[in-house]
Amino acid sequence: HEFQEMAFLIHLLRSEDCFIDIGANIGSYSILASGVCGARSISFEPDPGAFSDFETNIGANQLVDRVMPINKAVGAHPGELEFTVGLDTMNRAVGNAGHPGPTQIVPVCTLDSELNDVSPTFLKVDVEGFESAVIQGALATLAKPSLVALMLETVDSDVARILAEQGFVRCTYDPFTRALSRSGLQDDGGNQLFVRDMEFVSGRLVKARSVRVLGVSV
């Protein structure tokens, strides 16, 4: 359902890597990372309903030993936050404006506290506008040399500055040609890919084995 992004993940990751999935929902990206690539996944999903389905998917794909699901939100500081209920993939943290529908209180951790002894390779953040808080709590994680790629949906000026300071550049990826190209920021609400060490990442993408998706090889 997110073809270019998922193809990038499949072409980038190897069995020795660690994928970090923030806003995992029912685990589509984590299942690909661990089931197709064999990578280890550490995956955060705060909504209890989606988390239950995620655990079911982990078991159905026999990935209990490769995927670590964590039923928490990720933010700038540990604690708790108000979270929407019943919006499926659109569930999100409730801001100062409040929310007219039902909400729940979920625990919050920071990436730096959870990944202190982890060397991540690829970080995906899909948290419906809460990306800035996630990044603010991940400054030590972003500095780890093992981390070569991030994918975020919302990139404000503070996030863009932090990523630039850590050497990440905005890129686009063509999974059919395996071409990774520098690009400017976009504001169309789609996922945005950031890469550090383009030579290393491009080499991995080109050398990755092909996979077939609906009868098409990529």
Protein backbone atom coordinates (compact mmCIF):
# COMPACT_ATOMS: atom_id res chain seq x y z
CA HIS A 1 0.00 0.00 0.00
CA GLU A 2 3.08 2.25 0.27
CA PHE A 3 4.99 0.68 -2.58
CA GLN A 4 8.09 2.89 -2.90
CA GLU A 5 8.62 3.13 0.84
CA MET A 6 8.15 -0.59 1.43
CA ALA A 7 10.40 -1.45 -1.51
CA PHE A 8 13.12 0.79 -0.04
CA LEU A 9 12.86 -1.05 3.27
CA ILE A 10 13.06 -4.47 1.59
CA HIS A 11 16.05 -3.46 -0.55
CA LEU A 12 17.92 -1.77 2.32
CA LEU A 13 17.64 -4.17 5.23
CA ARG A 14 19.68 -7.31 5.87
CA SER A 15 19.39 -10.02 8.50
CA GLU A 16 22.02 -8.40 10.73
CA ASP A 17 20.12 -5.08 10.87
CA CYS A 18 17.68 -3.59 13.36
CA PHE A 19 14.53 -1.81 12.16
CA ILE A 20 12.71 0.61 14.46
CA ASP A 21 8.99 1.00 13.73
CA ILE A 22 7.29 3.90 15.55
CA GLY A 23 3.54 3.91 15.02
CA ALA A 24 3.54 0.29 13.90
CA ASN A 25 -0.26 -0.08 13.85
CA ILE A 26 -0.89 -3.73 12.90
CA GLY A 27 2.73 -4.19 11.86
CA SER A 28 2.90 -4.05 8.06
CA TYR A 29 6.42 -2.60 7.98
CA SER A 30 7.73 -4.73 10.82
CA ILE A 31 6.42 -7.92 9.20
CA LEU A 32 8.22 -7.00 5.97
CA ALA A 33 11.44 -6.05 7.77
CA SER A 34 11.61 -9.24 9.80
CA GLY A 35 9.67 -11.68 7.62
CA VAL A 36 11.17 -10.78 4.24
CA CYS A 37 14.58 -9.33 5.21
CA GLY A 38 15.16 -11.29 8.40
CA ALA A 39 16.05 -8.13 10.32
CA ARG A 40 15.27 -7.62 13.97
CA SER A 41 12.37 -5.20 14.56
CA ILE A 42 11.60 -3.13 17.66
CA SER A 43 8.11 -1.76 17.17
CA PHE A 44 6.06 0.77 19.12
CA GLU A 45 2.25 0.97 18.97
CA PRO A 46 0.28 2.71 21.75
CA ASP A 47 -3.29 1.78 20.76
CA PRO A 48 -4.31 -1.44 22.57
CA GLY A 49 -6.60 -2.60 19.74
CA ALA A 50 -4.02 -2.18 16.99
CA PHE A 51 -1.36 -3.62 19.28
CA SER A 52 -3.42 -6.78 19.80
CA ASP A 53 -3.79 -7.23 16.04
CA PHE A 54 -0.06 -6.59 15.67
CA GLU A 55 0.75 -9.38 18.12
CA THR A 56 -1.58 -11.67 16.19
CA ASN A 57 0.26 -10.84 12.95
CA ILE A 58 3.62 -11.51 14.57
CA GLY A 59 2.44 -14.95 15.63
CA ALA A 60 0.77 -15.74 12.31
CA ASN A 61 4.03 -14.98 10.49
CA GLN A 62 6.11 -16.94 13.02
CA LEU A 63 8.19 -13.88 13.91
CA VAL A 64 8.01 -13.95 17.69
CA ASP A 65 11.79 -14.31 17.86
CA ARG A 66 12.45 -11.42 15.42
CA VAL A 67 9.90 -8.72 16.36
CA MET A 68 9.73 -7.00 19.75
CA PRO A 69 6.34 -5.21 20.08
CA ILE A 70 6.10 -2.44 22.69
CA ASN A 71 2.69 -1.11 23.70
CA LYS A 72 3.78 2.52 24.23
CA ALA A 73 3.79 5.85 22.46
CA VAL A 74 7.13 7.53 21.74
CA GLY A 75 7.70 11.20 22.56
CA ALA A 76 10.07 13.84 23.84
CA HIS A 77 9.74 12.84 27.51
CA PRO A 78 8.58 9.71 29.38
CA GLY A 79 5.15 9.87 30.97
CA GLU A 80 1.61 9.61 29.66
CA LEU A 81 -0.47 11.28 26.96
CA GLU A 82 -4.06 11.41 25.77
CA PHE A 83 -4.66 9.34 22.64
CA THR A 84 -7.68 9.02 20.35
CA VAL A 85 -9.78 5.86 20.11
CA GLY A 86 -11.53 4.29 17.12
CA LEU A 87 -9.76 6.09 14.26
CA ASP A 88 -7.82 3.03 13.02
CA THR A 89 -4.59 4.16 11.31
CA MET A 90 -5.48 7.81 12.07
CA ASN A 91 -5.34 7.44 15.85
CA ARG A 92 -3.03 10.09 17.26
CA ALA A 93 -1.94 12.07 20.29
CA VAL A 94 -4.51 14.66 21.37
CA GLY A 95 -3.16 18.21 21.22
CA ASN A 96 -4.10 21.30 23.18
CA ALA A 97 -7.26 21.74 21.10
CA GLY A 98 -8.66 18.51 22.48
CA HIS A 99 -10.68 15.85 20.67
CA PRO A 100 -14.49 15.55 20.46
CA GLY A 101 -14.51 11.75 20.44
CA PRO A 102 -13.42 9.13 22.98
CA THR A 103 -9.81 9.13 24.17
CA GLN A 104 -7.55 6.99 26.32
CA ILE A 105 -4.38 7.52 28.34
CA VAL A 106 -1.31 5.68 27.04
CA PRO A 107 2.25 5.40 28.39
CA VAL A 108 5.03 7.35 26.67
CA CYS A 109 8.72 6.53 26.39
CA THR A 110 11.61 8.12 24.52
CA LEU A 111 13.66 6.39 21.84
CA ASP A 112 16.87 7.29 23.63
CA SER A 113 15.73 5.48 26.79
CA GLU A 114 14.43 2.42 24.94
CA LEU A 115 17.31 2.06 22.48
CA ASN A 116 20.24 2.79 24.77
CA ASP A 117 22.00 -0.49 23.89
CA VAL A 118 20.57 -0.87 20.36
CA SER A 119 22.27 -0.04 17.04
CA PRO A 120 19.40 0.73 14.64
CA THR A 121 19.74 0.76 10.85
CA PHE A 122 16.41 2.21 9.66
CA LEU A 123 13.87 4.25 11.58
CA LYS A 124 10.27 4.73 10.42
CA VAL A 125 8.07 7.29 12.19
CA ASP A 126 4.35 7.44 11.40
CA VAL A 127 2.64 9.19 14.29
CA GLU A 128 0.13 11.56 12.68
CA GLY A 129 1.85 14.87 13.38
CA PHE A 130 3.67 13.88 16.58
CA GLU A 131 6.98 13.39 14.73
CA SER A 132 8.68 16.45 16.24
CA ALA A 133 8.24 15.12 19.78
CA VAL A 134 9.60 11.72 18.73
CA ILE A 135 12.72 13.32 17.23
CA GLN A 136 13.30 15.53 20.27
CA GLY A 137 13.48 12.40 22.41
CA ALA A 138 15.82 10.64 19.99
CA LEU A 139 18.86 12.90 19.71
CA ALA A 140 21.29 10.26 20.97
CA THR A 141 19.71 7.64 18.72
CA LEU A 142 20.06 9.90 15.67
CA ALA A 143 23.77 10.29 16.40
CA LYS A 144 24.44 6.54 16.24
CA PRO A 145 26.57 5.73 13.16
CA SER A 146 24.55 2.55 12.46
CA LEU A 147 21.44 4.62 11.63
CA VAL A 148 21.59 5.31 7.89
CA ALA A 149 17.95 6.04 6.97
CA LEU A 150 14.76 7.52 8.39
CA MET A 151 11.25 7.85 7.04
CA LEU A 152 8.88 10.44 8.49
CA GLU A 153 5.52 11.82 7.42
CA THR A 154 5.57 15.28 9.02
CA VAL A 155 8.81 17.28 8.91
CA ASP A 156 8.69 20.75 10.44
CA SER A 157 11.58 23.24 10.50
CA ASP A 158 12.94 21.94 13.83
CA VAL A 159 12.96 18.33 12.64
CA ALA A 160 14.57 19.34 9.34
CA ARG A 161 17.29 21.24 11.23
CA ILE A 162 18.03 18.34 13.59
CA LEU A 163 18.26 15.84 10.74
CA ALA A 164 20.53 18.15 8.72
CA GLU A 165 22.81 18.59 11.73
CA GLN A 166 23.13 14.81 11.91
CA GLY A 167 24.05 14.56 8.22
CA PHE A 168 20.75 13.29 6.83
CA VAL A 169 19.61 14.47 3.40
CA ARG A 170 16.17 14.23 1.83
CA CYS A 171 16.00 11.57 -0.91
CA THR A 172 13.61 9.86 -3.27
CA TYR A 173 13.83 6.23 -4.34
CA ASP A 174 12.86 4.45 -7.57
CA PRO A 175 12.55 0.76 -6.68
CA PHE A 176 12.55 -0.37 -10.32
CA THR A 177 15.87 1.25 -11.22
CA ARG A 178 17.22 1.07 -7.62
CA ALA A 179 18.11 4.77 -7.98
CA LEU A 180 18.46 6.88 -4.83
CA SER A 181 18.42 10.64 -5.53
CA ARG A 182 18.72 13.79 -3.46
CA SER A 183 15.52 15.82 -3.29
CA GLY A 184 14.06 18.87 -1.60
CA LEU A 185 11.53 18.73 1.20
CA GLN A 186 7.94 18.14 0.18
CA ASP A 187 4.75 19.27 1.88
CA ASP A 188 2.17 16.98 0.28
CA GLY A 189 1.64 14.96 3.45
CA GLY A 190 3.44 11.90 2.10
CA ASN A 191 6.30 10.00 3.67
CA GLN A 192 9.70 11.66 3.43
CA LEU A 193 12.90 9.66 3.22
CA PHE A 194 16.18 10.84 4.76
CA VAL A 195 19.51 9.10 4.20
CA ARG A 196 22.98 9.39 5.70
CA ASP A 197 25.98 7.90 3.85
CA MET A 198 24.34 7.73 0.43
CA GLU A 199 27.20 5.71 -1.04
CA PHE A 200 26.72 2.92 1.50
CA VAL A 201 22.93 2.94 1.22
CA SER A 202 22.97 3.05 -2.60
CA GLY A 203 25.33 0.09 -2.64
CA ARG A 204 22.96 -1.93 -0.52
CA LEU A 205 19.94 -1.03 -2.61
CA VAL A 206 21.61 -2.07 -5.85
CA LYS A 207 22.85 -5.39 -4.45
CA ALA A 208 19.59 -6.45 -2.77
CA ARG A 209 17.89 -9.53 -4.12
CA SER A 210 14.71 -9.04 -6.14
CA VAL A 211 11.29 -9.76 -4.73
CA ARG A 212 8.00 -10.31 -6.54
CA VAL A 213 4.97 -8.19 -5.66
CA LEU A 214 1.72 -9.11 -7.40
CA GLY A 215 3.70 -10.77 -10.17
CA VAL A 216 6.10 -7.85 -10.69
CA SER A 217 9.80 -8.07 -9.77
CA VAL A 218 11.46 -5.17 -7.95
